[in-house]
């Protein structure tokens, strides 16, 4: 058994804002915001929704790459990942978005040694198309990836699994984790289910929590 794993959601957790929100605000203001509001009334933010938004960017791959490079990472995230790795922990990014923008941002920011579990994506017709792996043991018909199953598997390999998230696709993983860190919607969802969690606003707070309990050397 390895010592511990820290698993983090990407959009809205490691980043200040979801990539699809940035795309709506930058390129799709006319119809994107009303479409998002209407969709939320009856449906979950899923792969179909993301493909509609990310497929409508209407820009070159170079322009989209520039947007990815501008993604606002939590200002303490890079240092936190390094601290976890220095303490012998393994850092995972677990996302119901796509490796298309996650891998490119990590490379741009020089972040190494992180395992990304997400869905594949390609540049297509001026946008990004996400393709869930239906043959994956982690496939979810709703979100494309079942985060709870991923955390369940990681618990077989590590003594302790920490998870940080911010929204509904993170709920199952947060419940499976040994310790869950929650912000935004995830706090309310866990409270409603009377599940224990540690509230946080940024990764400095998580770093202090782990430091105080002897996880970070």
N, C-alpha and C. Protein backbone atom coordinates (compact mmCIF):
# COMPACT_ATOMS: atom_id res chain seq x y z
N UNK A 1 0.85 -1.21 0.00
CA UNK A 1 0.00 0.00 0.00
C UNK A 1 0.88 1.25 0.00
N UNK A 2 0.57 2.17 -0.89
CA UNK A 2 1.28 3.45 -0.88
C UNK A 2 0.60 4.33 0.16
N UNK A 3 1.28 5.38 0.56
CA UNK A 3 0.79 6.18 1.67
C UNK A 3 -0.54 6.90 1.38
N UNK A 4 -0.53 7.85 0.49
CA UNK A 4 -1.81 8.55 0.26
C UNK A 4 -1.92 9.10 -1.15
N UNK A 5 -3.15 9.33 -1.55
CA UNK A 5 -3.43 9.96 -2.83
C UNK A 5 -4.29 11.19 -2.59
N UNK A 6 -4.00 12.24 -3.33
CA UNK A 6 -4.88 13.41 -3.31
C UNK A 6 -5.51 13.52 -4.68
N UNK A 7 -6.84 13.47 -4.69
CA UNK A 7 -7.59 13.51 -5.95
C UNK A 7 -8.36 14.83 -6.01
N UNK A 8 -8.19 15.55 -7.09
CA UNK A 8 -8.89 16.83 -7.22
C UNK A 8 -9.68 16.89 -8.52
N UNK A 9 -10.89 17.41 -8.42
CA UNK A 9 -11.63 17.84 -9.60
C UNK A 9 -10.83 18.97 -10.25
N UNK A 10 -11.12 19.25 -11.52
CA UNK A 10 -10.38 20.30 -12.22
C UNK A 10 -11.18 21.60 -12.30
N UNK A 11 -12.24 21.59 -13.11
CA UNK A 11 -13.01 22.82 -13.36
C UNK A 11 -13.71 23.33 -12.10
N UNK A 12 -13.38 24.55 -11.70
CA UNK A 12 -14.05 25.15 -10.55
C UNK A 12 -13.44 24.74 -9.21
N UNK A 13 -12.50 23.79 -9.25
CA UNK A 13 -11.82 23.35 -8.03
C UNK A 13 -10.35 23.74 -8.10
N UNK A 14 -9.61 23.14 -9.04
CA UNK A 14 -8.23 23.57 -9.27
C UNK A 14 -8.20 24.90 -10.00
N UNK A 15 -9.25 25.14 -10.79
CA UNK A 15 -9.36 26.44 -11.47
C UNK A 15 -10.42 27.27 -10.77
N UNK A 16 -10.32 28.58 -10.93
CA UNK A 16 -11.29 29.50 -10.30
C UNK A 16 -12.65 29.42 -11.00
N UNK A 17 -12.62 29.02 -12.27
CA UNK A 17 -13.84 29.07 -13.08
C UNK A 17 -13.86 27.88 -14.04
N UNK A 18 -15.03 27.31 -14.30
CA UNK A 18 -15.14 26.22 -15.27
C UNK A 18 -14.78 26.71 -16.66
N UNK A 19 -14.10 25.86 -17.42
CA UNK A 19 -13.71 26.23 -18.78
C UNK A 19 -14.94 26.58 -19.63
N UNK A 20 -16.03 25.83 -19.46
CA UNK A 20 -17.21 26.11 -20.28
C UNK A 20 -17.81 27.49 -19.94
N UNK A 21 -17.71 27.91 -18.69
CA UNK A 21 -18.18 29.26 -18.31
C UNK A 21 -17.35 30.34 -19.00
N UNK A 22 -16.05 30.10 -19.07
CA UNK A 22 -15.15 31.06 -19.75
C UNK A 22 -15.52 31.16 -21.22
N UNK A 23 -15.79 30.00 -21.84
CA UNK A 23 -16.16 29.98 -23.26
C UNK A 23 -17.49 30.72 -23.48
N UNK A 24 -18.46 30.46 -22.62
CA UNK A 24 -19.75 31.16 -22.72
C UNK A 24 -19.54 32.67 -22.60
N UNK A 25 -18.80 33.09 -21.57
CA UNK A 25 -18.62 34.52 -21.30
C UNK A 25 -17.80 35.23 -22.39
N UNK A 26 -16.88 34.48 -23.02
CA UNK A 26 -15.99 35.10 -24.01
C UNK A 26 -16.56 35.08 -25.42
N UNK A 27 -17.19 33.95 -25.80
CA UNK A 27 -17.57 33.77 -27.20
C UNK A 27 -19.07 33.60 -27.46
N UNK A 28 -19.81 33.17 -26.45
CA UNK A 28 -21.20 32.76 -26.71
C UNK A 28 -22.20 33.56 -25.90
N UNK A 29 -21.89 34.84 -25.68
CA UNK A 29 -22.72 35.65 -24.78
C UNK A 29 -24.18 35.75 -25.25
N UNK A 30 -24.39 35.83 -26.56
CA UNK A 30 -25.75 36.03 -27.08
C UNK A 30 -26.70 34.91 -26.69
N UNK A 31 -26.23 33.67 -26.88
CA UNK A 31 -27.14 32.54 -26.60
C UNK A 31 -26.65 31.61 -25.50
N UNK A 32 -25.36 31.66 -25.19
CA UNK A 32 -24.77 30.70 -24.25
C UNK A 32 -25.33 30.77 -22.84
N UNK A 33 -25.45 31.99 -22.31
CA UNK A 33 -25.95 32.16 -20.94
C UNK A 33 -27.41 31.70 -20.81
N UNK A 34 -28.33 32.16 -21.71
CA UNK A 34 -29.72 31.67 -21.63
C UNK A 34 -29.81 30.15 -21.83
N UNK A 35 -28.97 29.61 -22.74
CA UNK A 35 -28.96 28.16 -22.97
C UNK A 35 -28.57 27.42 -21.70
N UNK A 36 -27.53 27.93 -21.02
CA UNK A 36 -27.06 27.34 -19.75
C UNK A 36 -28.16 27.39 -18.69
N UNK A 37 -28.79 28.54 -18.54
CA UNK A 37 -29.85 28.70 -17.53
C UNK A 37 -31.03 27.77 -17.81
N UNK A 38 -31.45 27.67 -19.07
CA UNK A 38 -32.56 26.79 -19.45
C UNK A 38 -32.20 25.33 -19.22
N UNK A 39 -30.98 24.97 -19.60
CA UNK A 39 -30.53 23.57 -19.47
C UNK A 39 -30.56 23.15 -18.00
N UNK A 40 -30.05 24.03 -17.14
CA UNK A 40 -29.95 23.72 -15.70
C UNK A 40 -31.31 23.47 -15.05
N UNK A 41 -32.37 24.06 -15.59
CA UNK A 41 -33.69 23.92 -14.99
C UNK A 41 -34.17 22.47 -15.01
N UNK A 42 -33.80 21.74 -16.05
CA UNK A 42 -34.34 20.37 -16.20
C UNK A 42 -33.27 19.29 -16.29
N UNK A 43 -32.02 19.67 -16.60
CA UNK A 43 -31.00 18.64 -16.85
C UNK A 43 -29.70 18.95 -16.10
N UNK A 44 -28.87 17.91 -15.99
CA UNK A 44 -27.57 18.07 -15.35
C UNK A 44 -26.55 18.55 -16.39
N UNK A 45 -25.51 19.22 -15.89
CA UNK A 45 -24.42 19.64 -16.79
C UNK A 45 -23.65 18.38 -17.16
N UNK A 46 -23.89 17.88 -18.37
CA UNK A 46 -23.32 16.58 -18.77
C UNK A 46 -22.53 16.71 -20.07
N UNK A 47 -22.15 15.56 -20.64
CA UNK A 47 -21.33 15.57 -21.86
C UNK A 47 -22.07 16.24 -23.02
N UNK A 48 -23.35 15.96 -23.14
CA UNK A 48 -24.15 16.56 -24.22
C UNK A 48 -24.10 18.09 -24.14
N UNK A 49 -24.28 18.62 -22.93
CA UNK A 49 -24.22 20.07 -22.73
C UNK A 49 -22.83 20.60 -23.08
N UNK A 50 -21.79 19.95 -22.55
CA UNK A 50 -20.42 20.42 -22.79
C UNK A 50 -20.10 20.41 -24.29
N UNK A 51 -20.53 19.36 -25.00
CA UNK A 51 -20.25 19.30 -26.43
C UNK A 51 -20.98 20.39 -27.21
N UNK A 52 -22.17 20.75 -26.74
CA UNK A 52 -22.91 21.83 -27.39
C UNK A 52 -22.14 23.16 -27.22
N UNK A 53 -21.67 23.42 -25.99
CA UNK A 53 -20.96 24.67 -25.71
C UNK A 53 -19.56 24.67 -26.34
N UNK A 54 -18.77 23.62 -26.04
CA UNK A 54 -17.38 23.60 -26.50
C UNK A 54 -17.29 23.40 -28.01
N UNK A 55 -18.33 22.80 -28.59
CA UNK A 55 -18.35 22.62 -30.04
C UNK A 55 -18.73 23.88 -30.79
N UNK A 56 -19.15 24.91 -30.07
CA UNK A 56 -19.64 26.15 -30.70
C UNK A 56 -18.67 27.32 -30.58
N UNK A 57 -17.42 27.06 -30.19
CA UNK A 57 -16.48 28.16 -29.95
C UNK A 57 -16.21 28.96 -31.22
N UNK A 58 -16.03 28.24 -32.34
CA UNK A 58 -15.84 28.92 -33.62
C UNK A 58 -14.51 29.65 -33.73
N UNK A 59 -13.45 29.03 -33.23
CA UNK A 59 -12.12 29.65 -33.29
C UNK A 59 -11.09 28.64 -33.78
N UNK A 60 -9.92 29.12 -34.16
CA UNK A 60 -8.83 28.23 -34.57
C UNK A 60 -8.31 27.49 -33.34
N UNK A 61 -7.57 26.41 -33.60
CA UNK A 61 -7.01 25.65 -32.47
C UNK A 61 -6.02 26.51 -31.69
N UNK A 62 -5.30 27.40 -32.39
CA UNK A 62 -4.33 28.29 -31.71
C UNK A 62 -5.06 29.26 -30.77
N UNK A 63 -6.19 29.77 -31.21
CA UNK A 63 -6.98 30.70 -30.37
C UNK A 63 -7.54 29.98 -29.15
N UNK A 64 -7.98 28.74 -29.34
CA UNK A 64 -8.50 27.96 -28.21
C UNK A 64 -7.38 27.64 -27.23
N UNK A 65 -6.20 27.33 -27.77
CA UNK A 65 -5.03 27.06 -26.91
C UNK A 65 -4.70 28.28 -26.06
N UNK A 66 -4.82 29.46 -26.64
CA UNK A 66 -4.55 30.69 -25.88
C UNK A 66 -5.54 30.84 -24.72
N UNK A 67 -6.80 30.46 -24.94
CA UNK A 67 -7.81 30.49 -23.86
C UNK A 67 -7.45 29.48 -22.76
N UNK A 68 -7.00 28.30 -23.18
CA UNK A 68 -6.61 27.25 -22.21
C UNK A 68 -5.46 27.76 -21.34
N UNK A 69 -4.48 28.39 -21.98
CA UNK A 69 -3.31 28.91 -21.24
C UNK A 69 -3.71 29.99 -20.24
N UNK A 70 -4.83 30.66 -20.51
CA UNK A 70 -5.30 31.72 -19.61
C UNK A 70 -6.19 31.19 -18.48
N UNK A 71 -6.45 29.90 -18.48
CA UNK A 71 -7.33 29.34 -17.43
C UNK A 71 -6.81 29.73 -16.04
N UNK A 72 -7.67 30.30 -15.19
CA UNK A 72 -7.20 30.80 -13.89
C UNK A 72 -7.08 29.69 -12.84
N UNK A 73 -5.87 29.17 -12.71
CA UNK A 73 -5.61 28.15 -11.68
C UNK A 73 -5.69 28.79 -10.30
N UNK A 74 -6.16 28.03 -9.32
CA UNK A 74 -6.06 28.45 -7.92
C UNK A 74 -4.60 28.87 -7.68
N UNK A 75 -4.41 30.04 -7.09
CA UNK A 75 -3.03 30.57 -6.98
C UNK A 75 -2.11 29.70 -6.13
N UNK A 76 -2.69 28.84 -5.28
CA UNK A 76 -1.86 27.97 -4.42
C UNK A 76 -1.74 26.55 -4.98
N UNK A 77 -2.40 26.27 -6.11
CA UNK A 77 -2.50 24.89 -6.61
C UNK A 77 -1.14 24.29 -6.98
N UNK A 78 -0.33 25.05 -7.71
CA UNK A 78 0.95 24.50 -8.18
C UNK A 78 1.84 24.12 -7.00
N UNK A 79 1.92 25.01 -6.03
CA UNK A 79 2.72 24.74 -4.83
C UNK A 79 2.15 23.56 -4.04
N UNK A 80 0.81 23.48 -3.96
CA UNK A 80 0.17 22.40 -3.23
C UNK A 80 0.47 21.04 -3.87
N UNK A 81 0.38 20.97 -5.18
CA UNK A 81 0.69 19.71 -5.88
C UNK A 81 2.12 19.28 -5.58
N UNK A 82 3.03 20.23 -5.62
CA UNK A 82 4.44 19.94 -5.32
C UNK A 82 4.61 19.43 -3.88
N UNK A 83 3.92 20.07 -2.95
CA UNK A 83 4.01 19.65 -1.54
C UNK A 83 3.51 18.22 -1.35
N UNK A 84 2.41 17.89 -2.00
CA UNK A 84 1.86 16.52 -1.93
C UNK A 84 2.89 15.52 -2.46
N UNK A 85 3.48 15.84 -3.60
CA UNK A 85 4.46 14.93 -4.21
C UNK A 85 5.72 14.80 -3.35
N UNK A 86 6.16 15.90 -2.76
CA UNK A 86 7.35 15.86 -1.90
C UNK A 86 7.11 15.02 -0.65
N UNK A 87 5.85 14.96 -0.21
CA UNK A 87 5.51 14.18 0.99
C UNK A 87 5.25 12.70 0.65
N UNK A 88 5.47 12.35 -0.61
CA UNK A 88 5.29 10.94 -1.00
C UNK A 88 3.88 10.61 -1.46
N UNK A 89 3.06 11.63 -1.59
CA UNK A 89 1.69 11.41 -2.06
C UNK A 89 1.61 11.41 -3.58
N UNK A 90 0.55 10.82 -4.09
CA UNK A 90 0.31 10.81 -5.54
C UNK A 90 -0.84 11.75 -5.83
N UNK A 91 -0.67 12.63 -6.82
CA UNK A 91 -1.71 13.61 -7.14
C UNK A 91 -2.45 13.20 -8.41
N UNK A 92 -3.78 13.18 -8.30
CA UNK A 92 -4.63 12.84 -9.44
C UNK A 92 -5.57 14.02 -9.74
N UNK A 93 -5.79 14.25 -11.02
CA UNK A 93 -6.88 15.15 -11.44
C UNK A 93 -7.96 14.27 -12.03
N UNK A 94 -9.16 14.40 -11.48
CA UNK A 94 -10.30 13.58 -11.89
C UNK A 94 -11.39 14.50 -12.40
N UNK A 95 -11.62 14.47 -13.71
CA UNK A 95 -12.48 15.49 -14.31
C UNK A 95 -13.53 14.92 -15.24
N UNK A 96 -14.74 15.49 -15.16
CA UNK A 96 -15.80 15.16 -16.12
C UNK A 96 -15.76 16.14 -17.30
N UNK A 97 -14.62 16.79 -17.48
CA UNK A 97 -14.36 17.61 -18.65
C UNK A 97 -13.54 16.80 -19.63
N UNK A 98 -12.44 17.36 -20.12
CA UNK A 98 -11.62 16.62 -21.08
C UNK A 98 -10.12 16.86 -20.89
N UNK A 99 -9.35 15.81 -21.19
CA UNK A 99 -7.89 15.91 -21.15
C UNK A 99 -7.39 16.94 -22.15
N UNK A 100 -8.23 17.26 -23.15
CA UNK A 100 -7.80 18.21 -24.20
C UNK A 100 -7.30 19.51 -23.58
N UNK A 101 -8.06 20.08 -22.65
CA UNK A 101 -7.58 21.34 -22.05
C UNK A 101 -6.78 21.13 -20.77
N UNK A 102 -7.04 20.04 -20.06
CA UNK A 102 -6.29 19.81 -18.81
C UNK A 102 -4.81 19.56 -19.11
N UNK A 103 -4.53 18.62 -20.02
CA UNK A 103 -3.14 18.29 -20.34
C UNK A 103 -2.38 19.51 -20.87
N UNK A 104 -3.06 20.32 -21.69
CA UNK A 104 -2.40 21.49 -22.27
C UNK A 104 -2.10 22.55 -21.21
N UNK A 105 -3.00 22.70 -20.25
CA UNK A 105 -2.73 23.67 -19.19
C UNK A 105 -1.60 23.19 -18.29
N UNK A 106 -1.59 21.90 -17.95
CA UNK A 106 -0.52 21.37 -17.10
C UNK A 106 0.84 21.56 -17.77
N UNK A 107 0.90 21.27 -19.07
CA UNK A 107 2.16 21.44 -19.81
C UNK A 107 2.58 22.91 -19.81
N UNK A 108 1.62 23.79 -20.03
CA UNK A 108 1.90 25.24 -20.06
C UNK A 108 2.43 25.74 -18.73
N UNK A 109 1.88 25.19 -17.64
CA UNK A 109 2.30 25.64 -16.30
C UNK A 109 3.45 24.82 -15.73
N UNK A 110 3.96 23.86 -16.51
CA UNK A 110 5.11 23.06 -16.07
C UNK A 110 4.80 22.13 -14.91
N UNK A 111 3.56 21.67 -14.83
CA UNK A 111 3.15 20.76 -13.74
C UNK A 111 3.37 19.32 -14.21
N UNK A 112 4.21 18.59 -13.47
CA UNK A 112 4.57 17.23 -13.87
C UNK A 112 4.18 16.22 -12.80
N UNK A 113 4.13 14.94 -13.22
CA UNK A 113 3.90 13.85 -12.28
C UNK A 113 2.48 13.70 -11.79
N UNK A 114 1.55 14.37 -12.49
CA UNK A 114 0.13 14.29 -12.11
C UNK A 114 -0.58 13.31 -13.06
N UNK A 115 -1.39 12.42 -12.50
CA UNK A 115 -2.18 11.51 -13.34
C UNK A 115 -3.54 12.14 -13.59
N UNK A 116 -3.90 12.27 -14.87
CA UNK A 116 -5.19 12.86 -15.24
C UNK A 116 -6.15 11.76 -15.66
N UNK A 117 -7.29 11.69 -14.99
CA UNK A 117 -8.35 10.74 -15.35
C UNK A 117 -9.53 11.58 -15.83
N UNK A 118 -9.77 11.54 -17.13
CA UNK A 118 -10.82 12.36 -17.71
C UNK A 118 -11.26 11.74 -19.02
N UNK A 119 -11.92 12.52 -19.87
CA UNK A 119 -12.36 12.03 -21.18
C UNK A 119 -11.51 12.64 -22.27
N UNK A 120 -11.37 11.90 -23.37
CA UNK A 120 -10.56 12.43 -24.46
C UNK A 120 -11.35 13.50 -25.21
N UNK A 121 -10.62 14.39 -25.83
CA UNK A 121 -11.25 15.46 -26.61
C UNK A 121 -10.39 15.79 -27.80
N UNK A 122 -11.01 16.25 -28.88
CA UNK A 122 -10.25 16.64 -30.07
C UNK A 122 -10.76 17.98 -30.58
N UNK A 123 -9.90 18.68 -31.29
CA UNK A 123 -10.31 19.91 -31.98
C UNK A 123 -11.09 19.50 -33.22
N UNK A 124 -12.27 20.08 -33.40
CA UNK A 124 -13.11 19.71 -34.54
C UNK A 124 -14.01 20.88 -34.93
N UNK A 125 -13.94 21.28 -36.19
CA UNK A 125 -14.84 22.32 -36.73
C UNK A 125 -14.90 23.58 -35.86
N UNK A 126 -13.75 24.06 -35.42
CA UNK A 126 -13.72 25.31 -34.66
C UNK A 126 -14.03 25.17 -33.19
N UNK A 127 -14.15 23.94 -32.70
CA UNK A 127 -14.46 23.73 -31.28
C UNK A 127 -13.79 22.47 -30.76
N UNK A 128 -14.24 22.03 -29.59
CA UNK A 128 -13.70 20.81 -28.97
C UNK A 128 -14.82 19.79 -28.86
N UNK A 129 -14.52 18.55 -29.25
CA UNK A 129 -15.51 17.47 -29.10
C UNK A 129 -15.00 16.47 -28.07
N UNK A 130 -15.83 16.22 -27.06
CA UNK A 130 -15.48 15.28 -25.98
C UNK A 130 -16.09 13.92 -26.30
N UNK A 131 -15.29 12.85 -26.15
CA UNK A 131 -15.80 11.50 -26.39
C UNK A 131 -15.58 10.64 -25.16
N UNK A 132 -16.65 10.29 -24.43
CA UNK A 132 -16.51 9.39 -23.29
C UNK A 132 -16.11 7.98 -23.77
N UNK A 133 -15.37 7.27 -22.95
CA UNK A 133 -14.99 5.89 -23.27
C UNK A 133 -16.04 4.95 -22.70
N UNK A 134 -16.94 4.49 -23.57
CA UNK A 134 -18.05 3.65 -23.10
C UNK A 134 -17.58 2.29 -22.62
N UNK A 135 -16.36 1.91 -22.98
CA UNK A 135 -15.83 0.62 -22.53
C UNK A 135 -15.08 0.71 -21.21
N UNK A 136 -14.94 1.92 -20.70
CA UNK A 136 -14.19 2.12 -19.45
C UNK A 136 -15.00 1.64 -18.25
N UNK A 137 -14.32 1.04 -17.24
CA UNK A 137 -15.03 0.66 -16.01
C UNK A 137 -15.58 1.88 -15.27
N UNK A 138 -15.10 3.06 -15.63
CA UNK A 138 -15.52 4.29 -14.97
C UNK A 138 -16.57 5.07 -15.78
N UNK A 139 -17.09 4.46 -16.85
CA UNK A 139 -18.05 5.16 -17.71
C UNK A 139 -19.35 5.45 -16.96
N UNK A 140 -19.84 6.69 -17.15
CA UNK A 140 -21.13 7.09 -16.60
C UNK A 140 -21.96 7.65 -17.74
N UNK A 141 -23.20 7.19 -17.85
CA UNK A 141 -24.06 7.68 -18.93
C UNK A 141 -24.40 9.16 -18.74
N UNK A 142 -24.45 9.62 -17.50
CA UNK A 142 -24.80 11.02 -17.25
C UNK A 142 -23.60 11.93 -17.44
N UNK A 143 -22.55 11.70 -16.65
CA UNK A 143 -21.42 12.63 -16.64
C UNK A 143 -20.24 12.18 -17.52
N UNK A 144 -20.34 11.00 -18.12
CA UNK A 144 -19.25 10.50 -18.94
C UNK A 144 -18.21 9.74 -18.15
N UNK A 145 -18.04 10.13 -16.89
CA UNK A 145 -17.08 9.45 -16.01
C UNK A 145 -17.67 9.37 -14.60
N UNK A 146 -17.57 8.18 -14.00
CA UNK A 146 -18.10 7.95 -12.66
C UNK A 146 -16.97 8.14 -11.66
N UNK A 147 -16.95 9.31 -11.03
CA UNK A 147 -15.84 9.65 -10.14
C UNK A 147 -15.81 8.78 -8.88
N UNK A 148 -16.98 8.38 -8.43
CA UNK A 148 -17.04 7.54 -7.22
C UNK A 148 -16.31 6.22 -7.43
N UNK A 149 -16.47 5.63 -8.61
CA UNK A 149 -15.80 4.36 -8.91
C UNK A 149 -14.29 4.52 -8.97
N UNK A 150 -13.84 5.66 -9.48
CA UNK A 150 -12.40 5.92 -9.53
C UNK A 150 -11.82 5.97 -8.11
N UNK A 151 -12.47 6.71 -7.23
CA UNK A 151 -11.99 6.84 -5.85
C UNK A 151 -12.05 5.48 -5.14
N UNK A 152 -13.11 4.73 -5.41
CA UNK A 152 -13.26 3.39 -4.84
C UNK A 152 -12.05 2.52 -5.20
N UNK A 153 -11.62 2.58 -6.47
CA UNK A 153 -10.47 1.81 -6.92
C UNK A 153 -9.17 2.31 -6.28
N UNK A 154 -9.03 3.62 -6.18
CA UNK A 154 -7.81 4.17 -5.59
C UNK A 154 -7.66 3.78 -4.12
N UNK A 155 -8.78 3.60 -3.45
CA UNK A 155 -8.74 3.20 -2.03
C UNK A 155 -8.16 1.80 -1.84
N UNK A 156 -8.14 1.01 -2.92
CA UNK A 156 -7.53 -0.33 -2.85
C UNK A 156 -6.00 -0.22 -2.94
N UNK A 157 -5.51 0.90 -3.47
CA UNK A 157 -4.07 1.06 -3.69
C UNK A 157 -3.39 1.94 -2.65
N UNK A 158 -4.17 2.82 -2.00
CA UNK A 158 -3.59 3.78 -1.07
C UNK A 158 -4.22 3.64 0.31
N UNK A 159 -3.44 3.94 1.33
CA UNK A 159 -3.96 3.88 2.70
C UNK A 159 -5.04 4.93 2.92
N UNK A 160 -4.81 6.11 2.37
CA UNK A 160 -5.77 7.22 2.54
C UNK A 160 -5.95 7.94 1.21
N UNK A 161 -7.21 8.24 0.90
CA UNK A 161 -7.52 8.99 -0.32
C UNK A 161 -8.28 10.26 0.06
N UNK A 162 -7.69 11.41 -0.30
CA UNK A 162 -8.34 12.71 -0.11
C UNK A 162 -8.98 13.11 -1.42
N UNK A 163 -10.09 13.84 -1.34
CA UNK A 163 -10.74 14.31 -2.56
C UNK A 163 -11.20 15.75 -2.38
N UNK A 164 -11.02 16.55 -3.42
CA UNK A 164 -11.51 17.94 -3.40
C UNK A 164 -12.39 18.18 -4.63
N UNK A 165 -13.56 18.80 -4.40
CA UNK A 165 -14.46 19.06 -5.51
C UNK A 165 -15.38 20.23 -5.22
N UNK A 166 -16.22 20.56 -6.23
CA UNK A 166 -17.06 21.75 -6.08
C UNK A 166 -18.50 21.58 -6.56
N UNK A 167 -18.82 20.46 -7.25
CA UNK A 167 -20.16 20.40 -7.86
C UNK A 167 -20.73 18.98 -7.89
N UNK A 168 -21.89 18.85 -8.50
CA UNK A 168 -22.63 17.58 -8.43
C UNK A 168 -21.88 16.35 -8.94
N UNK A 169 -21.14 16.43 -10.06
CA UNK A 169 -20.41 15.23 -10.50
C UNK A 169 -19.39 14.73 -9.47
N UNK A 170 -19.06 15.58 -8.48
CA UNK A 170 -18.07 15.24 -7.44
C UNK A 170 -18.69 14.56 -6.22
N UNK A 171 -20.00 14.52 -6.15
CA UNK A 171 -20.67 14.07 -4.93
C UNK A 171 -20.30 12.64 -4.55
N UNK A 172 -20.39 11.73 -5.51
CA UNK A 172 -20.09 10.32 -5.22
C UNK A 172 -18.66 10.11 -4.77
N UNK A 173 -17.73 10.80 -5.44
CA UNK A 173 -16.31 10.68 -5.08
C UNK A 173 -16.05 11.23 -3.68
N UNK A 174 -16.70 12.34 -3.36
CA UNK A 174 -16.53 12.94 -2.03
C UNK A 174 -17.02 12.00 -0.94
N UNK A 175 -18.11 11.30 -1.22
CA UNK A 175 -18.66 10.36 -0.25
C UNK A 175 -17.77 9.12 -0.08
N UNK A 176 -17.09 8.74 -1.15
CA UNK A 176 -16.20 7.56 -1.12
C UNK A 176 -14.87 7.86 -0.43
N UNK A 177 -14.40 9.11 -0.55
CA UNK A 177 -13.06 9.46 -0.06
C UNK A 177 -12.97 9.35 1.46
N UNK A 178 -11.75 9.18 1.95
CA UNK A 178 -11.53 9.15 3.41
C UNK A 178 -11.76 10.53 4.00
N UNK A 179 -11.31 11.55 3.28
CA UNK A 179 -11.57 12.93 3.70
C UNK A 179 -11.95 13.71 2.44
N UNK A 180 -13.08 14.42 2.51
CA UNK A 180 -13.54 15.23 1.37
C UNK A 180 -13.40 16.71 1.68
N UNK A 181 -12.87 17.46 0.73
CA UNK A 181 -12.79 18.92 0.82
C UNK A 181 -13.80 19.46 -0.18
N UNK A 182 -14.64 20.38 0.27
CA UNK A 182 -15.73 20.84 -0.60
C UNK A 182 -15.83 22.35 -0.64
N UNK A 183 -16.19 22.87 -1.82
CA UNK A 183 -16.49 24.29 -1.99
C UNK A 183 -17.75 24.39 -2.85
N UNK A 184 -18.31 25.58 -2.92
CA UNK A 184 -19.47 25.88 -3.77
C UNK A 184 -20.61 24.87 -3.57
N UNK A 185 -21.20 24.39 -4.70
CA UNK A 185 -22.39 23.53 -4.63
C UNK A 185 -22.16 22.24 -3.85
N UNK A 186 -20.94 21.72 -3.91
CA UNK A 186 -20.67 20.44 -3.25
C UNK A 186 -20.89 20.52 -1.74
N UNK A 187 -20.61 21.68 -1.16
CA UNK A 187 -20.84 21.85 0.29
C UNK A 187 -22.31 21.61 0.64
N UNK A 188 -23.20 22.22 -0.16
CA UNK A 188 -24.65 22.08 0.11
C UNK A 188 -25.11 20.64 -0.12
N UNK A 189 -24.59 20.02 -1.18
CA UNK A 189 -25.00 18.65 -1.51
C UNK A 189 -24.58 17.67 -0.41
N UNK A 190 -23.37 17.84 0.10
CA UNK A 190 -22.89 16.96 1.18
C UNK A 190 -23.64 17.23 2.49
N UNK A 191 -23.91 18.50 2.75
CA UNK A 191 -24.67 18.86 3.97
C UNK A 191 -26.06 18.22 3.93
N UNK A 192 -26.67 18.28 2.77
CA UNK A 192 -28.02 17.73 2.59
C UNK A 192 -28.05 16.23 2.88
N UNK A 193 -26.96 15.56 2.53
CA UNK A 193 -26.87 14.11 2.75
C UNK A 193 -26.22 13.78 4.09
N UNK A 194 -25.98 14.81 4.89
CA UNK A 194 -25.38 14.66 6.22
C UNK A 194 -24.04 13.93 6.17
N UNK A 195 -23.25 14.28 5.16
CA UNK A 195 -21.92 13.71 4.99
C UNK A 195 -20.88 14.69 5.53
N UNK A 196 -19.87 14.14 6.18
CA UNK A 196 -18.81 15.00 6.71
C UNK A 196 -17.91 15.52 5.60
N UNK A 197 -17.47 16.75 5.73
CA UNK A 197 -16.53 17.32 4.75
C UNK A 197 -15.80 18.48 5.40
N UNK A 198 -14.71 18.88 4.76
CA UNK A 198 -13.95 20.06 5.19
C UNK A 198 -14.18 21.14 4.13
N UNK A 199 -14.76 22.26 4.55
CA UNK A 199 -15.01 23.36 3.59
C UNK A 199 -13.69 24.07 3.29
N UNK A 200 -13.53 24.49 2.04
CA UNK A 200 -12.33 25.26 1.70
C UNK A 200 -12.65 26.27 0.61
N UNK A 201 -11.81 27.30 0.55
CA UNK A 201 -11.94 28.32 -0.50
C UNK A 201 -10.78 28.22 -1.48
N UNK A 202 -9.60 27.83 -0.97
CA UNK A 202 -8.42 27.70 -1.84
C UNK A 202 -7.51 26.59 -1.30
N UNK A 203 -6.51 26.24 -2.10
CA UNK A 203 -5.65 25.11 -1.74
C UNK A 203 -4.68 25.41 -0.61
N UNK A 204 -4.51 26.68 -0.27
CA UNK A 204 -3.70 27.03 0.89
C UNK A 204 -4.37 26.47 2.15
N UNK A 205 -5.70 26.56 2.20
CA UNK A 205 -6.45 26.04 3.36
C UNK A 205 -6.33 24.52 3.46
N UNK A 206 -6.36 23.85 2.32
CA UNK A 206 -6.19 22.38 2.33
C UNK A 206 -4.76 22.03 2.77
N UNK A 207 -3.81 22.79 2.27
CA UNK A 207 -2.40 22.57 2.64
C UNK A 207 -2.22 22.69 4.15
N UNK A 208 -2.82 23.70 4.75
CA UNK A 208 -2.70 23.89 6.20
C UNK A 208 -3.38 22.75 6.96
N UNK A 209 -4.53 22.30 6.47
CA UNK A 209 -5.23 21.17 7.10
C UNK A 209 -4.34 19.93 7.10
N UNK A 210 -3.74 19.62 5.97
CA UNK A 210 -2.89 18.42 5.86
C UNK A 210 -1.60 18.57 6.66
N UNK A 211 -1.09 19.79 6.66
CA UNK A 211 0.14 20.08 7.42
C UNK A 211 -0.07 19.86 8.91
N UNK A 212 -1.19 20.38 9.40
CA UNK A 212 -1.51 20.27 10.84
C UNK A 212 -1.72 18.83 11.28
N UNK A 213 -2.04 17.96 10.32
CA UNK A 213 -2.28 16.55 10.67
C UNK A 213 -1.12 15.66 10.27
N UNK A 214 0.00 16.28 9.91
CA UNK A 214 1.23 15.53 9.64
C UNK A 214 1.34 14.85 8.30
N UNK A 215 0.48 15.21 7.35
CA UNK A 215 0.53 14.57 6.02
C UNK A 215 1.61 15.17 5.13
N UNK A 216 1.89 16.46 5.32
CA UNK A 216 2.86 17.11 4.47
C UNK A 216 4.14 17.37 5.24
N UNK A 217 5.26 16.89 4.68
CA UNK A 217 6.53 17.01 5.39
C UNK A 217 7.10 18.41 5.22
